[in-house]
Amino acid sequence: MQVTTIGVDLAKTIFQVHGITEHDEVAFNRPLRRAQVLPFFTRLDPCLIGMEACSTSHYWARELSRLGHEVRLIPPMYVKPYVKRGKSDAIDAEAICEAVTRPTMRFVEIKSVEQQALLSLHRARNLMVRQRTQLVNALRSMLAEFGVYIAKGIARIISFSQGVLAGTKLALPEIAQDVVHNLCGQLDVLHGQMRWYETRLRLEAKRDPRIKLLQTIPGVGPVTASAIAASIGSGHQFKNGREFAAWLGLTPTNRSSGGKERLGRITKMGDQYLRQLLVVGMTSLVRQTKSHPERANKWLTALLERKPARLATVAMANKTARIVWAVLTKNEPYMPRTT
């Protein structure tokens, strides 16, 4: 009995596999322990394997592809409609097996080891940013209880903490002095770790030609460019720039009906980290436009005259996402229009 399609429900320890034949007959639906997965698929003839794009999925996709199988990763939200009544590993594996055979199904490109290694830098840096923000907020609120206020901006709080570590005394009780000193020490360590991650990202950006090409786009720096290159690779999994922008959640929601077109806010359904980086980059571009209008993009200048700044930054991020796709797929630097 030749197995043609298998759905794999990934887990930490116990994996569920659901296999069918070419006549859509169920060949097996059984659990496997982690150590049994590779030996099990080694004994099978090459077939189509479907998995949800989740934690560890790219690792298993690479391992099973080396065995000669065709592996496809499916976004979890696209598998849900195929789940029948109830919720179990066996039902989920069956739903994945059904979803992977659909002709209109969309799949996630399998990431290489190098892509995931570069993404690990971004994940760790993002963790440092969140921890630093939490620490800064805690320090500000604690000092405000004693009437000590610090001006806005990360540079001001870093300067304050360095002064405390250098020996600056505050009009605080001894216990509060010790607490503030310890928090300033933690903030200094976190800030130093963030600088290390950013330096390493810039070094990696110089080695990858795709990242260099992306940096030719206005508002796209080494951090954003390396995150995009690590996340989507060549970009050929998207048919066009609009599809990539939609994947990022930068396109408006469509609730059209009865021949009436109704477009709302952006969907925010895609990669939140990449979307955030693009919007922040465009926010910086808007600030440059206001301070140096003679060097500004004409399209952006005209947009700012009609729309609020925040709406303009999101619209520019949408447009930039389409430019990013074109630069990656054509493997050419960005060339602004002269007219």
C-alpha atoms as a PDB file:
ATOM      1  CA  MET A   1       0.000   0.000   0.000  1.00  0.00           C
ATOM      2  CA  GLN A   2       1.706   3.138  -1.320  1.00  0.00           C
ATOM      3  CA  VAL A   3       1.364   6.179   0.950  1.00  0.00           C
ATOM      4  CA  THR A   4       1.205   9.398  -1.090  1.00  0.00           C
ATOM      5  CA  THR A   5       0.332  12.126   1.433  1.00  0.00           C
ATOM      6  CA  ILE A   6       1.062  12.534   5.143  1.00  0.00           C
ATOM      7  CA  GLY A   7      -0.086  15.160   7.611  1.00  0.00           C
ATOM      8  CA  VAL A   8       2.194  15.709  10.610  1.00  0.00           C
ATOM      9  CA  ASP A   9       1.003  17.406  13.793  1.00  0.00           C
ATOM     10  CA  LEU A  10       4.204  18.671  15.421  1.00  0.00           C
ATOM     11  CA  ALA A  11       4.752  18.738  19.175  1.00  0.00           C
ATOM     12  CA  LYS A  12       7.561  18.741  21.738  1.00  0.00           C
ATOM     13  CA  THR A  13       7.613  15.005  22.401  1.00  0.00           C
ATOM     14  CA  ILE A  14       4.695  13.138  20.789  1.00  0.00           C
ATOM     15  CA  PHE A  15       4.067  13.673  17.052  1.00  0.00           C
ATOM     16  CA  GLN A  16       0.915  12.530  15.246  1.00  0.00           C
ATOM     17  CA  VAL A  17       1.116  11.317  11.628  1.00  0.00           C
ATOM     18  CA  HIS A  18      -1.854  10.744   9.325  1.00  0.00           C
ATOM     19  CA  GLY A  19      -1.159   9.045   5.974  1.00  0.00           C
ATOM     20  CA  ILE A  20      -3.400   8.341   2.992  1.00  0.00           C
ATOM     21  CA  THR A  21      -2.961   6.376  -0.241  1.00  0.00           C
ATOM     22  CA  GLU A  22      -3.487   7.522  -3.815  1.00  0.00           C
ATOM     23  CA  HIS A  23      -7.106   6.349  -3.524  1.00  0.00           C
ATOM     24  CA  ASP A  24      -7.635   8.558  -0.420  1.00  0.00           C
ATOM     25  CA  GLU A  25      -7.754   5.563   1.889  1.00  0.00           C
ATOM     26  CA  VAL A  26      -6.369   6.048   5.414  1.00  0.00           C
ATOM     27  CA  ALA A  27      -3.119   4.093   5.698  1.00  0.00           C
ATOM     28  CA  PHE A  28      -2.340   5.064   9.303  1.00  0.00           C
ATOM     29  CA  ASN A  29      -3.019   7.639  11.985  1.00  0.00           C
ATOM     30  CA  ARG A  30      -0.607   7.031  14.812  1.00  0.00           C
ATOM     31  CA  PRO A  31       1.590   8.845  17.346  1.00  0.00           C
ATOM     32  CA  LEU A  32       5.377   8.901  17.141  1.00  0.00           C
ATOM     33  CA  ARG A  33       7.951   9.851  19.723  1.00  0.00           C
ATOM     34  CA  ARG A  34      10.609  12.352  18.724  1.00  0.00           C
ATOM     35  CA  ALA A  35      13.282   9.670  18.331  1.00  0.00           C
ATOM     36  CA  GLN A  36      10.977   7.624  16.065  1.00  0.00           C
ATOM     37  CA  VAL A  37      10.194  10.363  13.540  1.00  0.00           C
ATOM     38  CA  LEU A  38      13.245  10.197  11.236  1.00  0.00           C
ATOM     39  CA  PRO A  39      13.484   6.353  11.241  1.00  0.00           C
ATOM     40  CA  PHE A  40       9.753   6.162  10.405  1.00  0.00           C
ATOM     41  CA  PHE A  41      10.042   8.481   7.390  1.00  0.00           C
ATOM     42  CA  THR A  42      13.291   6.853   6.276  1.00  0.00           C
ATOM     43  CA  ARG A  43      11.399   3.594   5.695  1.00  0.00           C
ATOM     44  CA  LEU A  44       8.750   5.322   3.532  1.00  0.00           C
ATOM     45  CA  ASP A  45       8.992   6.024  -0.184  1.00  0.00           C
ATOM     46  CA  PRO A  46       9.126   9.730  -1.110  1.00  0.00           C
ATOM     47  CA  CYS A  47       5.734  11.361  -0.604  1.00  0.00           C
ATOM     48  CA  LEU A  48       4.043  14.697   0.073  1.00  0.00           C
ATOM     49  CA  ILE A  49       4.249  15.815   3.720  1.00  0.00           C
ATOM     50  CA  GLY A  50       2.265  18.672   5.192  1.00  0.00           C
ATOM     51  CA  MET A  51       3.012  20.459   8.473  1.00  0.00           C
ATOM     52  CA  GLU A  52       1.828  23.610  10.177  1.00  0.00           C
ATOM     53  CA  ALA A  53       4.331  26.484  10.046  1.00  0.00           C
ATOM     54  CA  CYS A  54       5.109  26.693  13.747  1.00  0.00           C
ATOM     55  CA  SER A  55       7.979  26.255  16.182  1.00  0.00           C
ATOM     56  CA  THR A  56      10.551  23.646  14.954  1.00  0.00           C
ATOM     57  CA  SER A  57       8.647  23.188  11.662  1.00  0.00           C
ATOM     58  CA  HIS A  58      11.498  24.555   9.518  1.00  0.00           C
ATOM     59  CA  TYR A  59      13.970  22.165  11.182  1.00  0.00           C
ATOM     60  CA  TRP A  60      11.781  19.121  10.539  1.00  0.00           C
ATOM     61  CA  ALA A  61      11.040  20.296   7.007  1.00  0.00           C
ATOM     62  CA  ARG A  62      14.763  20.428   6.221  1.00  0.00           C
ATOM     63  CA  GLU A  63      15.384  17.003   7.785  1.00  0.00           C
ATOM     64  CA  LEU A  64      12.518  15.311   5.926  1.00  0.00           C
ATOM     65  CA  SER A  65      13.457  17.004   2.649  1.00  0.00           C
ATOM     66  CA  ARG A  66      16.910  15.416   2.929  1.00  0.00           C
ATOM     67  CA  LEU A  67      15.169  12.027   2.946  1.00  0.00           C
ATOM     68  CA  GLY A  68      13.637  12.787  -0.459  1.00  0.00           C
ATOM     69  CA  HIS A  69      10.164  13.825   0.671  1.00  0.00           C
ATOM     70  CA  GLU A  70       8.332  16.913  -0.585  1.00  0.00           C
ATOM     71  CA  VAL A  71       7.555  19.017   2.487  1.00  0.00           C
ATOM     72  CA  ARG A  72       5.086  21.909   2.539  1.00  0.00           C
ATOM     73  CA  LEU A  73       4.457  24.225   5.476  1.00  0.00           C
ATOM     74  CA  ILE A  74       0.948  25.610   5.917  1.00  0.00           C
ATOM     75  CA  PRO A  75      -0.044  28.667   7.998  1.00  0.00           C
ATOM     76  CA  PRO A  76      -2.050  27.340  10.983  1.00  0.00           C
ATOM     77  CA  MET A  77      -5.002  29.644  10.239  1.00  0.00           C
ATOM     78  CA  TYR A  78      -5.424  27.949   6.839  1.00  0.00           C
ATOM     79  CA  VAL A  79      -5.586  24.490   8.430  1.00  0.00           C
ATOM     80  CA  LYS A  80      -8.359  25.365  10.888  1.00  0.00           C
ATOM     81  CA  PRO A  81     -11.254  25.194   8.343  1.00  0.00           C
ATOM     82  CA  TYR A  82     -10.387  21.536   7.684  1.00  0.00           C
ATOM     83  CA  VAL A  83     -10.566  20.518  11.346  1.00  0.00           C
ATOM     84  CA  LYS A  84     -13.680  18.430  11.962  1.00  0.00           C
ATOM     85  CA  ARG A  85     -15.670  18.351  15.184  1.00  0.00           C
ATOM     86  CA  GLY A  86     -13.564  18.057  18.325  1.00  0.00           C
ATOM     87  CA  LYS A  87      -9.906  18.729  19.029  1.00  0.00           C
ATOM     88  CA  SER A  88      -7.195  16.082  19.237  1.00  0.00           C
ATOM     89  CA  ASP A  89      -3.796  15.347  17.704  1.00  0.00           C
ATOM     90  CA  ALA A  90      -5.330  12.720  15.402  1.00  0.00           C
ATOM     91  CA  ILE A  91      -7.965  15.169  14.126  1.00  0.00           C
ATOM     92  CA  ASP A  92      -5.354  17.913  13.615  1.00  0.00           C
ATOM     93  CA  ALA A  93      -3.060  15.580  11.644  1.00  0.00           C
ATOM     94  CA  GLU A  94      -5.983  14.545   9.445  1.00  0.00           C
ATOM     95  CA  ALA A  95      -6.855  18.207   8.816  1.00  0.00           C
ATOM     96  CA  ILE A  96      -3.244  18.996   7.830  1.00  0.00           C
ATOM     97  CA  CYS A  97      -3.235  16.015   5.465  1.00  0.00           C
ATOM     98  CA  GLU A  98      -6.422  17.306   3.848  1.00  0.00           C
ATOM     99  CA  ALA A  99      -5.252  20.930   3.634  1.00  0.00           C
ATOM    100  CA  VAL A 100      -1.895  20.163   1.995  1.00  0.00           C
ATOM    101  CA  THR A 101      -3.628  18.611  -1.033  1.00  0.00           C
ATOM    102  CA  ARG A 102      -5.823  21.641  -1.815  1.00  0.00           C
ATOM    103  CA  PRO A 103      -4.852  23.274  -5.142  1.00  0.00           C
ATOM    104  CA  THR A 104      -5.463  26.816  -3.865  1.00  0.00           C
ATOM    105  CA  MET A 105      -3.600  26.367  -0.570  1.00  0.00           C
ATOM    106  CA  ARG A 106      -0.816  28.828   0.268  1.00  0.00           C
ATOM    107  CA  PHE A 107       2.439  27.623   1.745  1.00  0.00           C
ATOM    108  CA  VAL A 108       5.351  29.037   3.742  1.00  0.00           C
ATOM    109  CA  GLU A 109       8.817  28.855   2.226  1.00  0.00           C
ATOM    110  CA  ILE A 110      11.170  26.632   4.230  1.00  0.00           C
ATOM    111  CA  LYS A 111      13.884  28.715   5.877  1.00  0.00           C
ATOM    112  CA  SER A 112      17.531  27.724   5.646  1.00  0.00           C
ATOM    113  CA  VAL A 113      19.843  27.369   8.639  1.00  0.00           C
ATOM    114  CA  GLU A 114      21.492  30.672   7.729  1.00  0.00           C
ATOM    115  CA  GLN A 115      18.136  32.477   7.641  1.00  0.00           C
ATOM    116  CA  GLN A 116      17.145  31.151  11.046  1.00  0.00           C
ATOM    117  CA  ALA A 117      20.558  32.030  12.488  1.00  0.00           C
ATOM    118  CA  LEU A 118      20.138  35.635  11.311  1.00  0.00           C
ATOM    119  CA  LEU A 119      16.586  35.712  12.665  1.00  0.00           C
ATOM    120  CA  SER A 120      17.894  34.584  16.054  1.00  0.00           C
ATOM    121  CA  LEU A 121      19.810  37.887  16.242  1.00  0.00           C
ATOM    122  CA  HIS A 122      16.596  39.799  15.612  1.00  0.00           C
ATOM    123  CA  ARG A 123      14.599  37.766  18.132  1.00  0.00           C
ATOM    124  CA  ALA A 124      17.239  38.306  20.823  1.00  0.00           C
ATOM    125  CA  ARG A 125      17.526  42.021  20.022  1.00  0.00           C
ATOM    126  CA  ASN A 126      13.753  42.413  20.172  1.00  0.00           C
ATOM    127  CA  LEU A 127      13.762  40.692  23.560  1.00  0.00           C
ATOM    128  CA  MET A 128      16.393  43.157  24.807  1.00  0.00           C
ATOM    129  CA  VAL A 129      14.281  46.087  23.549  1.00  0.00           C
ATOM    130  CA  ARG A 130      11.192  44.870  25.425  1.00  0.00           C
ATOM    131  CA  GLN A 131      13.144  44.239  28.624  1.00  0.00           C
ATOM    132  CA  ARG A 132      14.807  47.656  28.409  1.00  0.00           C
ATOM    133  CA  THR A 133      11.421  49.330  27.926  1.00  0.00           C
ATOM    134  CA  GLN A 134      10.010  47.537  30.981  1.00  0.00           C
ATOM    135  CA  LEU A 135      13.022  48.528  33.056  1.00  0.00           C
ATOM    136  CA  VAL A 136      12.890  52.171  31.936  1.00  0.00           C
ATOM    137  CA  ASN A 137       9.175  52.408  32.737  1.00  0.00           C
ATOM    138  CA  ALA A 138       9.718  50.868  36.169  1.00  0.00           C
ATOM    139  CA  LEU A 139      12.613  53.247  36.911  1.00  0.00           C
ATOM    140  CA  ARG A 140      10.671  56.331  35.793  1.00  0.00           C
ATOM    141  CA  SER A 141       7.579  55.454  37.849  1.00  0.00           C
ATOM    142  CA  MET A 142       9.647  54.630  40.921  1.00  0.00           C
ATOM    143  CA  LEU A 143      11.546  57.919  40.774  1.00  0.00           C
ATOM    144  CA  ALA A 144       8.317  59.845  40.147  1.00  0.00           C
ATOM    145  CA  GLU A 145       7.061  58.650  43.551  1.00  0.00           C
ATOM    146  CA  PHE A 146       9.914  60.679  45.093  1.00  0.00           C
ATOM    147  CA  GLY A 147       9.397  63.719  42.869  1.00  0.00           C
ATOM    148  CA  VAL A 148      12.308  62.925  40.532  1.00  0.00           C
ATOM    149  CA  TYR A 149      11.373  63.321  36.881  1.00  0.00           C
ATOM    150  CA  ILE A 150      13.454  62.434  33.831  1.00  0.00           C
ATOM    151  CA  ALA A 151      12.944  64.024  30.415  1.00  0.00           C
ATOM    152  CA  LYS A 152      11.480  61.896  27.617  1.00  0.00           C
ATOM    153  CA  GLY A 153      13.742  59.899  25.357  1.00  0.00           C
ATOM    154  CA  ILE A 154      15.899  56.824  25.835  1.00  0.00           C
ATOM    155  CA  ALA A 155      19.073  58.939  25.643  1.00  0.00           C
ATOM    156  CA  ARG A 156      17.978  60.966  28.716  1.00  0.00           C
ATOM    157  CA  ILE A 157      17.313  57.910  30.881  1.00  0.00           C
ATOM    158  CA  ILE A 158      20.584  56.269  29.785  1.00  0.00           C
ATOM    159  CA  SER A 159      22.474  59.446  30.671  1.00  0.00           C
ATOM    160  CA  PHE A 160      20.701  59.540  34.052  1.00  0.00           C
ATOM    161  CA  SER A 161      21.573  55.913  34.846  1.00  0.00           C
ATOM    162  CA  GLN A 162      25.211  56.413  33.873  1.00  0.00           C
ATOM    163  CA  GLY A 163      25.343  59.405  36.220  1.00  0.00           C
ATOM    164  CA  VAL A 164      23.926  57.335  39.088  1.00  0.00           C
ATOM    165  CA  LEU A 165      26.474  54.575  38.434  1.00  0.00           C
ATOM    166  CA  ALA A 166      29.235  57.218  38.349  1.00  0.00           C
ATOM    167  CA  GLY A 167      28.321  58.308  41.876  1.00  0.00           C
ATOM    168  CA  THR A 168      25.646  60.990  41.519  1.00  0.00           C
ATOM    169  CA  LYS A 169      23.646  61.159  44.750  1.00  0.00           C
ATOM    170  CA  LEU A 170      19.894  61.627  44.758  1.00  0.00           C
ATOM    171  CA  ALA A 171      17.770  63.085  47.539  1.00  0.00           C
ATOM    172  CA  LEU A 172      16.282  59.673  48.310  1.00  0.00           C
ATOM    173  CA  PRO A 173      16.206  57.363  51.342  1.00  0.00           C
ATOM    174  CA  GLU A 174      19.047  54.852  51.536  1.00  0.00           C
ATOM    175  CA  ILE A 175      16.847  51.906  50.535  1.00  0.00           C
ATOM    176  CA  ALA A 176      15.555  53.745  47.469  1.00  0.00           C
ATOM    177  CA  GLN A 177      19.109  54.794  46.576  1.00  0.00           C
ATOM    178  CA  ASP A 178      20.196  51.126  46.527  1.00  0.00           C
ATOM    179  CA  VAL A 179      17.202  50.042  44.460  1.00  0.00           C
ATOM    180  CA  VAL A 180      17.716  52.807  41.888  1.00  0.00           C
ATOM    181  CA  HIS A 181      21.438  52.000  41.686  1.00  0.00           C
ATOM    182  CA  ASN A 182      20.703  48.328  41.003  1.00  0.00           C
ATOM    183  CA  LEU A 183      18.099  49.151  38.348  1.00  0.00           C
ATOM    184  CA  CYS A 184      20.512  51.570  36.672  1.00  0.00           C
ATOM    185  CA  GLY A 185      23.116  48.817  36.617  1.00  0.00           C
ATOM    186  CA  GLN A 186      20.679  46.446  34.926  1.00  0.00           C
ATOM    187  CA  LEU A 187      19.714  49.133  32.417  1.00  0.00           C
ATOM    188  CA  ASP A 188      23.378  49.762  31.577  1.00  0.00           C
ATOM    189  CA  VAL A 189      23.932  46.029  30.961  1.00  0.00           C
ATOM    190  CA  LEU A 190      20.823  45.743  28.760  1.00  0.00           C
ATOM    191  CA  HIS A 191      21.810  48.815  26.765  1.00  0.00           C
ATOM    192  CA  GLY A 192      25.272  47.356  26.213  1.00  0.00           C
ATOM    193  CA  GLN A 193      23.790  44.041  25.025  1.00  0.00           C
ATOM    194  CA  MET A 194      21.504  45.874  22.616  1.00  0.00           C
ATOM    195  CA  ARG A 195      24.456  47.726  21.126  1.00  0.00           C
ATOM    196  CA  TRP A 196      26.249  44.385  20.654  1.00  0.00           C
ATOM    197  CA  TYR A 197      23.279  42.912  18.760  1.00  0.00           C
ATOM    198  CA  GLU A 198      22.965  45.993  16.567  1.00  0.00           C
ATOM    199  CA  THR A 199      26.700  45.952  15.788  1.00  0.00           C
ATOM    200  CA  ARG A 200      26.508  42.261  14.886  1.00  0.00           C
ATOM    201  CA  LEU A 201      23.499  42.894  12.642  1.00  0.00           C
ATOM    202  CA  ARG A 202      25.391  45.624  10.797  1.00  0.00           C
ATOM    203  CA  LEU A 203      28.342  43.290  10.288  1.00  0.00           C
ATOM    204  CA  GLU A 204      26.084  40.565   8.900  1.00  0.00           C
ATOM    205  CA  ALA A 205      24.383  43.131   6.671  1.00  0.00           C
ATOM    206  CA  LYS A 206      27.690  43.888   4.960  1.00  0.00           C
ATOM    207  CA  ARG A 207      28.196  40.215   4.040  1.00  0.00           C
ATOM    208  CA  ASP A 208      24.853  39.547   2.345  1.00  0.00           C
ATOM    209  CA  PRO A 209      24.373  41.110  -1.126  1.00  0.00           C
ATOM    210  CA  ARG A 210      20.563  40.996  -0.786  1.00  0.00           C
ATOM    211  CA  ILE A 211      20.725  43.113   2.363  1.00  0.00           C
ATOM    212  CA  LYS A 212      22.949  45.623   0.570  1.00  0.00           C
ATOM    213  CA  LEU A 213      20.381  45.886  -2.233  1.00  0.00           C
ATOM    214  CA  LEU A 214      17.532  46.464   0.210  1.00  0.00           C
ATOM    215  CA  GLN A 215      19.438  49.272   1.914  1.00  0.00           C
ATOM    216  CA  THR A 216      19.276  51.266  -1.331  1.00  0.00           C
ATOM    217  CA  ILE A 217      15.558  51.821  -0.563  1.00  0.00           C
ATOM    218  CA  PRO A 218      14.896  55.053   1.404  1.00  0.00           C
ATOM    219  CA  GLY A 219      13.911  54.344   5.014  1.00  0.00           C
ATOM    220  CA  VAL A 220      15.297  50.776   5.006  1.00  0.00           C
ATOM    221  CA  GLY A 221      18.370  50.390   7.216  1.00  0.00           C
ATOM    222  CA  PRO A 222      20.530  47.353   8.043  1.00  0.00           C
ATOM    223  CA  VAL A 223      18.202  46.074  10.787  1.00  0.00           C
ATOM    224  CA  THR A 224      15.081  46.181   8.603  1.00  0.00           C
ATOM    225  CA  ALA A 225      16.900  44.878   5.534  1.00  0.00           C
ATOM    226  CA  SER A 226      18.448  41.912   7.358  1.00  0.00           C
ATOM    227  CA  ALA A 227      15.103  41.033   8.979  1.00  0.00           C
ATOM    228  CA  ILE A 228      13.368  40.995   5.588  1.00  0.00           C
ATOM    229  CA  ALA A 229      16.112  38.950   3.925  1.00  0.00           C
ATOM    230  CA  ALA A 230      16.109  36.422   6.768  1.00  0.00           C
ATOM    231  CA  SER A 231      12.302  36.140   6.780  1.00  0.00           C
ATOM    232  CA  ILE A 232      11.441  35.811   3.077  1.00  0.00           C
ATOM    233  CA  GLY A 233      14.743  35.017   1.352  1.00  0.00           C
ATOM    234  CA  SER A 234      14.469  35.723  -2.387  1.00  0.00           C
ATOM    235  CA  GLY A 235      10.791  36.721  -2.172  1.00  0.00           C
ATOM    236  CA  HIS A 236       9.778  34.459  -5.087  1.00  0.00           C
ATOM    237  CA  GLN A 237       7.098  32.759  -2.948  1.00  0.00           C
ATOM    238  CA  PHE A 238       4.989  35.887  -3.496  1.00  0.00           C
ATOM    239  CA  LYS A 239       3.422  36.506  -6.905  1.00  0.00           C
ATOM    240  CA  ASN A 240       3.727  40.284  -6.707  1.00  0.00           C
ATOM    241  CA  GLY A 241       4.491  43.173  -4.375  1.00  0.00           C
ATOM    242  CA  ARG A 242       0.892  43.544  -3.256  1.00  0.00           C
ATOM    243  CA  GLU A 243       0.823  39.931  -2.080  1.00  0.00           C
ATOM    244  CA  PHE A 244       3.926  40.594   0.016  1.00  0.00           C
ATOM    245  CA  ALA A 245       2.359  43.764   1.449  1.00  0.00           C
ATOM    246  CA  ALA A 246      -0.780  41.772   2.278  1.00  0.00           C
ATOM    247  CA  TRP A 247       1.353  39.108   3.982  1.00  0.00           C
ATOM    248  CA  LEU A 248       2.784  41.871   6.166  1.00  0.00           C
ATOM    249  CA  GLY A 249      -0.723  43.067   7.046  1.00  0.00           C
ATOM    250  CA  LEU A 250      -0.218  46.467   5.407  1.00  0.00           C
ATOM    251  CA  THR A 251      -3.168  46.288   2.992  1.00  0.00           C
ATOM    252  CA  PRO A 252      -6.640  47.559   3.969  1.00  0.00           C
ATOM    253  CA  THR A 253      -9.371  45.154   5.055  1.00  0.00           C
ATOM    254  CA  ASN A 254     -11.889  44.444   2.313  1.00  0.00           C
ATOM    255  CA  ARG A 255     -15.547  44.135   3.287  1.00  0.00           C
ATOM    256  CA  SER A 256     -17.026  44.745  -0.147  1.00  0.00           C
ATOM    257  CA  SER A 257     -20.434  43.331  -0.995  1.00  0.00           C
ATOM    258  CA  GLY A 258     -23.181  43.892  -3.537  1.00  0.00           C
ATOM    259  CA  GLY A 259     -20.852  45.706  -5.903  1.00  0.00           C
ATOM    260  CA  LYS A 260     -19.944  48.292  -3.263  1.00  0.00           C
ATOM    261  CA  GLU A 261     -16.278  48.523  -2.336  1.00  0.00           C
ATOM    262  CA  ARG A 262     -15.652  49.049   1.371  1.00  0.00           C
ATOM    263  CA  LEU A 263     -12.034  49.304   2.492  1.00  0.00           C
ATOM    264  CA  GLY A 264     -11.109  49.725   6.143  1.00  0.00           C
ATOM    265  CA  ARG A 265      -7.964  49.840   8.234  1.00  0.00           C
ATOM    266  CA  ILE A 266      -4.938  47.684   7.518  1.00  0.00           C
ATOM    267  CA  THR A 267      -5.409  44.013   8.396  1.00  0.00           C
ATOM    268  CA  LYS A 268      -2.355  43.644  10.711  1.00  0.00           C
ATOM    269  CA  MET A 269      -2.553  39.924   9.957  1.00  0.00           C
ATOM    270  CA  GLY A 270       1.059  39.313   8.971  1.00  0.00           C
ATOM    271  CA  ASP A 271       4.514  39.434  10.505  1.00  0.00           C
ATOM    272  CA  GLN A 272       4.214  42.035  13.268  1.00  0.00           C
ATOM    273  CA  TYR A 273       7.992  42.468  13.660  1.00  0.00           C
ATOM    274  CA  LEU A 274       8.627  43.264   9.979  1.00  0.00           C
ATOM    275  CA  ARG A 275       5.581  45.522   9.813  1.00  0.00           C
ATOM    276  CA  GLN A 276       6.795  47.428  12.865  1.00  0.00           C
ATOM    277  CA  LEU A 277      10.282  47.882  11.401  1.00  0.00           C
ATOM    278  CA  LEU A 278       8.901  49.220   8.120  1.00  0.00           C
ATOM    279  CA  VAL A 279       6.528  51.657   9.834  1.00  0.00           C
ATOM    280  CA  VAL A 280       9.306  52.914  12.135  1.00  0.00           C
ATOM    281  CA  GLY A 281      11.587  53.388   9.127  1.00  0.00           C
ATOM    282  CA  MET A 282       8.913  55.342   7.289  1.00  0.00           C
ATOM    283  CA  THR A 283       8.284  57.449  10.405  1.00  0.00           C
ATOM    284  CA  SER A 284      11.949  58.467  10.289  1.00  0.00           C
ATOM    285  CA  LEU A 285      11.541  59.251   6.588  1.00  0.00           C
ATOM    286  CA  VAL A 286       8.538  61.494   7.340  1.00  0.00           C
ATOM    287  CA  ARG A 287      10.596  63.412   9.911  1.00  0.00           C
ATOM    288  CA  GLN A 288      13.347  63.921   7.343  1.00  0.00           C
ATOM    289  CA  THR A 289      10.739  65.125   4.843  1.00  0.00           C
ATOM    290  CA  LYS A 290       9.534  67.796   7.264  1.00  0.00           C
ATOM    291  CA  SER A 291      13.035  68.957   8.193  1.00  0.00           C
ATOM    292  CA  HIS A 292      14.527  68.793   4.662  1.00  0.00           C
ATOM    293  CA  PRO A 293      11.660  69.256   2.183  1.00  0.00           C
ATOM    294  CA  GLU A 294      14.085  69.937  -0.664  1.00  0.00           C
ATOM    295  CA  ARG A 295      15.316  66.310  -0.528  1.00  0.00           C
ATOM    296  CA  ALA A 296      11.909  64.741   0.097  1.00  0.00           C
ATOM    297  CA  ASN A 297      10.005  62.269  -2.049  1.00  0.00           C
ATOM    298  CA  LYS A 298       7.351  64.163  -4.044  1.00  0.00           C
ATOM    299  CA  TRP A 299       4.739  61.450  -3.557  1.00  0.00           C
ATOM    300  CA  LEU A 300       5.258  61.479   0.203  1.00  0.00           C
ATOM    301  CA  THR A 301       5.210  65.283   0.343  1.00  0.00           C
ATOM    302  CA  ALA A 302       1.900  65.403  -1.511  1.00  0.00           C
ATOM    303  CA  LEU A 303       0.482  62.710   0.766  1.00  0.00           C
ATOM    304  CA  LEU A 304       1.469  64.607   3.914  1.00  0.00           C
ATOM    305  CA  GLU A 305      -0.381  67.661   2.627  1.00  0.00           C
ATOM    306  CA  ARG A 306      -3.616  65.648   2.457  1.00  0.00           C
ATOM    307  CA  LYS A 307      -3.342  63.073   5.247  1.00  0.00           C
ATOM    308  CA  PRO A 308      -2.148  62.859   8.886  1.00  0.00           C
ATOM    309  CA  ALA A 309       1.465  61.825   9.476  1.00  0.00           C
ATOM    310  CA  ARG A 310       0.609  58.401  10.963  1.00  0.00           C
ATOM    311  CA  LEU A 311      -1.605  57.474   8.034  1.00  0.00           C
ATOM    312  CA  ALA A 312       1.139  58.633   5.657  1.00  0.00           C
ATOM    313  CA  THR A 313       3.764  56.447   7.356  1.00  0.00           C
ATOM    314  CA  VAL A 314       1.569  53.343   7.030  1.00  0.00           C
ATOM    315  CA  ALA A 315       0.804  54.144   3.383  1.00  0.00           C
ATOM    316  CA  MET A 316       4.518  54.626   2.727  1.00  0.00           C
ATOM    317  CA  ALA A 317       5.287  51.329   4.471  1.00  0.00           C
ATOM    318  CA  ASN A 318       2.786  49.630   2.129  1.00  0.00           C
ATOM    319  CA  LYS A 319       4.471  51.179  -0.899  1.00  0.00           C
ATOM    320  CA  THR A 320       7.948  50.331   0.419  1.00  0.00           C
ATOM    321  CA  ALA A 321       6.946  46.683   0.901  1.00  0.00           C
ATOM    322  CA  ARG A 322       6.117  46.474  -2.798  1.00  0.00           C
ATOM    323  CA  ILE A 323       9.459  48.074  -3.678  1.00  0.00           C
ATOM    324  CA  VAL A 324      11.207  45.559  -1.397  1.00  0.00           C
ATOM    325  CA  TRP A 325       9.621  42.674  -3.314  1.00  0.00           C
ATOM    326  CA  ALA A 326      10.679  44.156  -6.650  1.00  0.00           C
ATOM    327  CA  VAL A 327      14.264  44.705  -5.488  1.00  0.00           C
ATOM    328  CA  LEU A 328      14.571  41.146  -4.148  1.00  0.00           C
ATOM    329  CA  THR A 329      12.980  39.336  -7.087  1.00  0.00           C
ATOM    330  CA  LYS A 330      14.760  41.365  -9.768  1.00  0.00           C
ATOM    331  CA  ASN A 331      18.036  41.386  -7.796  1.00  0.00           C
ATOM    332  CA  GLU A 332      18.597  45.014  -8.702  1.00  0.00           C
ATOM    333  CA  PRO A 333      19.122  48.132  -6.512  1.00  0.00           C
ATOM    334  CA  TYR A 334      16.330  50.621  -6.077  1.00  0.00           C
ATOM    335  CA  MET A 335      16.338  53.387  -8.667  1.00  0.00           C
ATOM    336  CA  PRO A 336      14.012  56.303  -7.864  1.00  0.00           C
ATOM    337  CA  ARG A 337      12.013  57.814 -10.687  1.00  0.00           C
ATOM    338  CA  THR A 338      13.403  61.080 -12.022  1.00  0.00           C
ATOM    339  CA  THR A 339       9.984  62.370 -13.079  1.00  0.00           C
END
